[in-house]
Amino acid sequence: MIERHMVTTTFELPGYKIERSFGVARGIIVRSRSIVGAVGASLQTLFGGNISLYTSLCERARQDAYERMLAEAAGLGANGIIGMRYDATEIARGISEVLCYGTAVYATAFR
């Protein structure tokens, strides 16, 4: 598995030389709100502030997409990811896609 310190939003890994690029690795997750979650979140909107049910849903979706990206990159033989990004799209009302992607690379430490 790829170590967390080997994933960056920049296009370099400080202290490492990129030896090989494997192209884009991505993780996609599609999630929908449950009726119970939607009702609970609607109640939270009445009081304002953070809507914790939606925050939790979004965090889980991003984490799942991130883990899928790491697995795909590791399967390609990468030990790092540069230029990592998230994207989200609402496919239909209450159904969202979360995409996590970056360039899978093999990097070695400078000596």
C-alpha atoms as a PDB file:
ATOM      1  CA  MET A   1       0.000   0.000   0.000  1.00  0.00           C
ATOM      2  CA  ILE A   2       1.154   3.546  -0.651  1.00  0.00           C
ATOM      3  CA  GLU A   3       2.258   5.446   2.454  1.00  0.00           C
ATOM      4  CA  ARG A   4       0.369   8.660   3.233  1.00  0.00           C
ATOM      5  CA  HIS A   5       3.495  10.840   3.087  1.00  0.00           C
ATOM      6  CA  MET A   6       3.957   9.711  -0.543  1.00  0.00           C
ATOM      7  CA  VAL A   7       0.731  11.404  -1.669  1.00  0.00           C
ATOM      8  CA  THR A   8       0.790  15.100  -2.481  1.00  0.00           C
ATOM      9  CA  THR A   9      -1.210  17.763  -4.271  1.00  0.00           C
ATOM     10  CA  THR A  10       2.013  19.197  -5.682  1.00  0.00           C
ATOM     11  CA  PHE A  11       3.812  17.819  -8.711  1.00  0.00           C
ATOM     12  CA  GLU A  12       6.897  16.683  -6.849  1.00  0.00           C
ATOM     13  CA  LEU A  13       7.707  14.654  -3.756  1.00  0.00           C
ATOM     14  CA  PRO A  14      10.219  16.595  -1.652  1.00  0.00           C
ATOM     15  CA  GLY A  15      13.306  14.475  -1.032  1.00  0.00           C
ATOM     16  CA  TYR A  16      12.395  12.012  -3.796  1.00  0.00           C
ATOM     17  CA  LYS A  17      13.259  11.649  -7.462  1.00  0.00           C
ATOM     18  CA  ILE A  18      10.422  10.500  -9.688  1.00  0.00           C
ATOM     19  CA  GLU A  19      11.768   7.564 -11.672  1.00  0.00           C
ATOM     20  CA  ARG A  20       8.635   6.513 -13.524  1.00  0.00           C
ATOM     21  CA  SER A  21       5.086   7.710 -14.149  1.00  0.00           C
ATOM     22  CA  PHE A  22       2.237   5.226 -14.542  1.00  0.00           C
ATOM     23  CA  GLY A  23      -0.394   7.786 -15.566  1.00  0.00           C
ATOM     24  CA  VAL A  24      -3.582   8.678 -13.787  1.00  0.00           C
ATOM     25  CA  ALA A  25      -4.820   6.582 -10.884  1.00  0.00           C
ATOM     26  CA  ARG A  26      -8.368   7.206  -9.761  1.00  0.00           C
ATOM     27  CA  GLY A  27     -10.876   6.165  -7.196  1.00  0.00           C
ATOM     28  CA  ILE A  28     -14.575   6.698  -7.794  1.00  0.00           C
ATOM     29  CA  ILE A  29     -17.429   6.302  -5.350  1.00  0.00           C
ATOM     30  CA  VAL A  30     -21.121   7.019  -5.912  1.00  0.00           C
ATOM     31  CA  ARG A  31     -23.208   7.642  -2.825  1.00  0.00           C
ATOM     32  CA  SER A  32     -26.822   8.459  -2.083  1.00  0.00           C
ATOM     33  CA  ARG A  33     -28.447   9.834   1.018  1.00  0.00           C
ATOM     34  CA  SER A  34     -30.735   7.523   2.921  1.00  0.00           C
ATOM     35  CA  ILE A  35     -34.231   8.737   3.693  1.00  0.00           C
ATOM     36  CA  VAL A  36     -33.405   8.694   7.415  1.00  0.00           C
ATOM     37  CA  GLY A  37     -30.225  10.705   6.812  1.00  0.00           C
ATOM     38  CA  ALA A  38     -32.057  13.199   4.600  1.00  0.00           C
ATOM     39  CA  VAL A  39     -34.758  13.758   7.213  1.00  0.00           C
ATOM     40  CA  GLY A  40     -32.178  14.103   9.986  1.00  0.00           C
ATOM     41  CA  ALA A  41     -30.137  16.571   7.940  1.00  0.00           C
ATOM     42  CA  SER A  42     -33.276  18.552   7.121  1.00  0.00           C
ATOM     43  CA  LEU A  43     -33.946  18.883  10.849  1.00  0.00           C
ATOM     44  CA  GLN A  44     -30.378  20.076  11.423  1.00  0.00           C
ATOM     45  CA  THR A  45     -30.844  22.837   8.810  1.00  0.00           C
ATOM     46  CA  LEU A  46     -33.597  24.327  10.966  1.00  0.00           C
ATOM     47  CA  PHE A  47     -31.017  25.164  13.636  1.00  0.00           C
ATOM     48  CA  GLY A  48     -28.236  26.309  11.281  1.00  0.00           C
ATOM     49  CA  GLY A  49     -24.547  25.608  11.570  1.00  0.00           C
ATOM     50  CA  ASN A  50     -22.726  22.448  10.560  1.00  0.00           C
ATOM     51  CA  ILE A  51     -24.958  19.721   9.160  1.00  0.00           C
ATOM     52  CA  SER A  52     -23.039  16.849  10.695  1.00  0.00           C
ATOM     53  CA  LEU A  53     -24.936  14.095   8.854  1.00  0.00           C
ATOM     54  CA  TYR A  54     -23.895  15.513   5.481  1.00  0.00           C
ATOM     55  CA  THR A  55     -20.384  16.273   6.706  1.00  0.00           C
ATOM     56  CA  SER A  56     -19.995  12.657   7.763  1.00  0.00           C
ATOM     57  CA  LEU A  57     -21.373  11.391   4.435  1.00  0.00           C
ATOM     58  CA  CYS A  58     -18.987  13.604   2.468  1.00  0.00           C
ATOM     59  CA  GLU A  59     -15.971  12.603   4.566  1.00  0.00           C
ATOM     60  CA  ARG A  60     -16.740   8.893   4.130  1.00  0.00           C
ATOM     61  CA  ALA A  61     -17.176   9.308   0.365  1.00  0.00           C
ATOM     62  CA  ARG A  62     -13.864  11.183   0.038  1.00  0.00           C
ATOM     63  CA  GLN A  63     -12.034   8.631   2.185  1.00  0.00           C
ATOM     64  CA  ASP A  64     -13.435   5.717   0.159  1.00  0.00           C
ATOM     65  CA  ALA A  65     -12.488   7.390  -3.136  1.00  0.00           C
ATOM     66  CA  TYR A  66      -8.988   8.119  -1.749  1.00  0.00           C
ATOM     67  CA  GLU A  67      -8.484   4.508  -0.658  1.00  0.00           C
ATOM     68  CA  ARG A  68      -9.617   3.245  -4.078  1.00  0.00           C
ATOM     69  CA  MET A  69      -7.145   5.582  -5.794  1.00  0.00           C
ATOM     70  CA  LEU A  70      -4.317   4.306  -3.580  1.00  0.00           C
ATOM     71  CA  ALA A  71      -5.223   0.696  -4.367  1.00  0.00           C
ATOM     72  CA  GLU A  72      -5.298   1.349  -8.109  1.00  0.00           C
ATOM     73  CA  ALA A  73      -1.927   3.124  -8.001  1.00  0.00           C
ATOM     74  CA  ALA A  74      -0.346   0.340  -5.940  1.00  0.00           C
ATOM     75  CA  GLY A  75      -1.699  -2.185  -8.436  1.00  0.00           C
ATOM     76  CA  LEU A  76       0.160  -0.321 -11.187  1.00  0.00           C
ATOM     77  CA  GLY A  77       3.416  -0.616  -9.218  1.00  0.00           C
ATOM     78  CA  ALA A  78       3.482   2.965  -7.923  1.00  0.00           C
ATOM     79  CA  ASN A  79       4.764   3.977  -4.515  1.00  0.00           C
ATOM     80  CA  GLY A  80       3.545   7.579  -4.683  1.00  0.00           C
ATOM     81  CA  ILE A  81       0.948   9.913  -6.130  1.00  0.00           C
ATOM     82  CA  ILE A  82       1.511  13.490  -7.244  1.00  0.00           C
ATOM     83  CA  GLY A  83      -1.023  16.120  -8.248  1.00  0.00           C
ATOM     84  CA  MET A  84      -3.784  14.492  -6.188  1.00  0.00           C
ATOM     85  CA  ARG A  85      -7.207  16.122  -6.516  1.00  0.00           C
ATOM     86  CA  TYR A  86     -10.855  15.564  -5.619  1.00  0.00           C
ATOM     87  CA  ASP A  87     -13.867  16.244  -7.788  1.00  0.00           C
ATOM     88  CA  ALA A  88     -17.547  15.782  -7.036  1.00  0.00           C
ATOM     89  CA  THR A  89     -20.616  15.748  -9.254  1.00  0.00           C
ATOM     90  CA  GLU A  90     -24.269  15.447  -8.410  1.00  0.00           C
ATOM     91  CA  ILE A  91     -25.523  12.730 -10.785  1.00  0.00           C
ATOM     92  CA  ALA A  92     -29.152  13.015  -9.712  1.00  0.00           C
ATOM     93  CA  ARG A  93     -30.954  14.551  -6.763  1.00  0.00           C
ATOM     94  CA  GLY A  94     -29.408  13.023  -3.658  1.00  0.00           C
ATOM     95  CA  ILE A  95     -26.852  10.939  -5.623  1.00  0.00           C
ATOM     96  CA  SER A  96     -23.278  12.174  -5.823  1.00  0.00           C
ATOM     97  CA  GLU A  97     -20.084  10.921  -7.394  1.00  0.00           C
ATOM     98  CA  VAL A  98     -16.775  11.624  -5.693  1.00  0.00           C
ATOM     99  CA  LEU A  99     -13.613  11.189  -7.721  1.00  0.00           C
ATOM    100  CA  CYS A 100     -10.106  11.196  -6.284  1.00  0.00           C
ATOM    101  CA  TYR A 101      -7.295  11.167  -8.817  1.00  0.00           C
ATOM    102  CA  GLY A 102      -3.600  11.839  -9.287  1.00  0.00           C
ATOM    103  CA  THR A 103      -0.548  10.736 -11.207  1.00  0.00           C
ATOM    104  CA  ALA A 104       0.780   7.402  -9.994  1.00  0.00           C
ATOM    105  CA  VAL A 105       4.588   7.437  -9.781  1.00  0.00           C
ATOM    106  CA  TYR A 106       7.530   5.380  -8.631  1.00  0.00           C
ATOM    107  CA  ALA A 107       9.957   7.558  -6.677  1.00  0.00           C
ATOM    108  CA  THR A 108      13.258   6.948  -4.926  1.00  0.00           C
ATOM    109  CA  ALA A 109      14.806   8.979  -2.118  1.00  0.00           C
ATOM    110  CA  PHE A 110      17.650  11.331  -2.995  1.00  0.00           C
ATOM    111  CA  ARG A 111      21.002  10.128  -1.692  1.00  0.00           C
END
